[in-house]
């Protein structure tokens, strides 16, 4: 048997790393921060055998990549998954019900209290040890009787609430066998949509008939559960027309599930240490002993090796231990999560570790700890109690070099930087750690610094694979990178021509908004890929008015970190004033919570506010998640419903006062949400600044007359161009736009400039632009451009084609291979 641990990522401001444990029959994952699936794609890490995910904490830096990962593993064929972690894990999972749903995957949760027994899961037996901060005060739990008259058992409110949350979780991941009728409806819904645009005032009987035909329920009154009843948050959601060819799946879950409030929760800041033991190995068969006992060779040997007692022909009974060496205990390793010194006293004083410091010592301990923990001599003394033979792999933000994790993107960005280093900056990184293990003289002798993609062997022999901790890392100053340009004279010539043509462009024209800076942090669609992260566009306003984030897919905070670096990241985040969420597809908002938690850390207690302008259901999600982890919601972070600022709508109630403050803080004369053609609750955005400039953001949509009308004479249109021009049928089916359709929208809008984004997850084939289209540009991750610079960008197109010629060919080959492999299977639409 071969078994090993693989390190994915390293401790960084994004969060702790992900740990993958590999056995022949199964995979285990520990923690899943944002960007985990992107790193798996980058490094070709497979998750087909993944069955269990263990969370050390229910905080966003540990669980932020889980919702997106669930969608991906479900689409990749995983059928059953159990997620383990401390209390609030099920609350977190149930709170994602508005945008996470798969009928092909069964998901269960297992929560750990302060005393939890070992859990045997496949080849691994896992013992959780729950550690709470030293200053934690447990809230009181009321007890109530079961409502059943014959039930004498008193059950806690907490247990009932957990059962209610699990009921909601089960509805999110209902396998077809559990609801065959719904599954059949789902398979047939696309053929019936045209027949189901019935009047929304149908009676209940008609509504039932419509549900049988359509994948989407009729109009319902849906109440935002984070708001008081009988207020403007109670709105009617109307069915929108869908073409017969539509393949965008809508959830089959009842809207009663969506509108149901989750039971109240409270923060439970537990950090779980996991003690993991591998399978016991059978002892060696002693053939000489068997022959001495007169046991004839043959099938009897096999039965004895399998632990079976046998009876010989002469009547003697032979026990396996007579011919077998004693079983060998399975390998033992630990994963310790101690995020700060607040947890330290309870960790090192826990009696749960006593046996592992005396007789049953682990072969290895992985330490995921705060830097202040490693700096504390009490922790290092505790490490030494496990003996000199135990190997220690240590991950902190200072011990780990903040090297590039996504090398494919970094190298692509390096290529682009040869055109303009300000517009296409190389990602910020450091290959030199702030501290070295050698700085600590009292660490155990076998201590190693954590390194992404490093490995720790478990079987056949336990030990750190030291070579894996010293893999080459991206360094754009070394010949490995620089030689690529120098050995390609055609590319060098194209770069030189592009720079000459760009320098000749006259950008001296003065106009309102010329200095508004647009930073396209994520320009891809659906899921993060090697080359593009998912949607996020940062608009920096002139002066001290801060910035607006237009959507924020998973990994947006990490993209900011790589774009701005340590020296500027906090300032940029402090000045974030507004996040606009266009719709509820995961690739547009799974990075919002991380931005909010980091913003709250920096601004807690000052007079700044951050506004989240989003579909009303997103407000529901923010409210429920804030019970698990505080991020200032309702104190300095506020939500405004897109529905309340629709074109021709006037905000009312609390939204009105917030909306006035938002416009005042941003200096906006107009801020309108616009209904677009994509999915339920999908909106574009139109903003007009007091100084006269106007910006329009499409979100995801087909070419939309509503948006064109609202955006007339825009200074800048940011429009999706998901699909290439030859993929019109797919664009119509999935309700996206092709490149030329997006360009046409800008022309009909009379937009001064058009910036295209949200490309399929590969480098797009950049079409030739006519002279009349020189106000149109394509975007790349972390591209930073003032609006007045946009005419420069088309001059780079020919050079960009050559820069990524190899990647395009490679991706064409990979796409062809993937298409051939998938030809006989039916997959799920991501969204």
Foldseek 3Di string as FASTA:
>chain_A
DWKWKWWADFAALLAHTKIWIDDPQAIEIEFAAFPRVQLCQLVVPDHQRYAEYEYQWPDRSRCLRPQVVVLVNLLVQEAHHEYEEAPPPLLLLLLLLVAFADQRHAYHYYHDDQADAWDDDPQKIKDKHKFAFPPDDDDDWDWDPDPDPPDPDIDTPVVVLSVVSVVSNCLRHHHCVNPVQLVVLQVQALQQLVVQLDDLPDDPVVQVVSLSRHLDGAKDFAALQVDDPPDVSGDIFHDDRADSLADAHDDNGDCVSLRDARPFFAAGGIGMKMKMFGHWAWFDFAVVLCVVVVNDDDVVSVCLSVQHWDADPVGDIDGSVSGGDHIHTGAIEMEDEAAACSRVVRVLPDPVCVCCLPPVPHQEYEYHYEPNQVVDVVNQVSQCSNDQRHAYEYGYNQQQFFFDSLVLQLLLLLLVCLLPCQQRPRFDGGRDGNDHPVVDPRHRPRYHYDAHRWMFIRPPDTGTPVVRRVDDTDDCVDCVRVVVCVVDVVLVVLSVQLNVVLVPDDLPDDDPQQQWKKWFQFFADQQNHSHGAFGWIWIADPDQLAIEIEFDARCSLVSLCRLQPPVCSLVNLLRYAEYEAFASHRSGHSGPSVSLQSNCVSCPPHDAAHEYEFASSVVSSVVSCCSHPPRQEVHRYDYAHLVQFAVVHHHDDPNNVVVVVSCVSNQWPHWHWYDAAADGRGTKIWTAHPSGAIEIERGFAQLGPRRLVRQAAHQEYEFEAAAAPVPVSVCSNRGGHHPVRQLVSCVSSVHQAYEYGHYHPAPDDDDDDDPVRLRYAYDGRRRMDRSSSSSSHSSCNVSSCVSCVVRVVVVVVVVVVVCVVCVPDDGGDSD
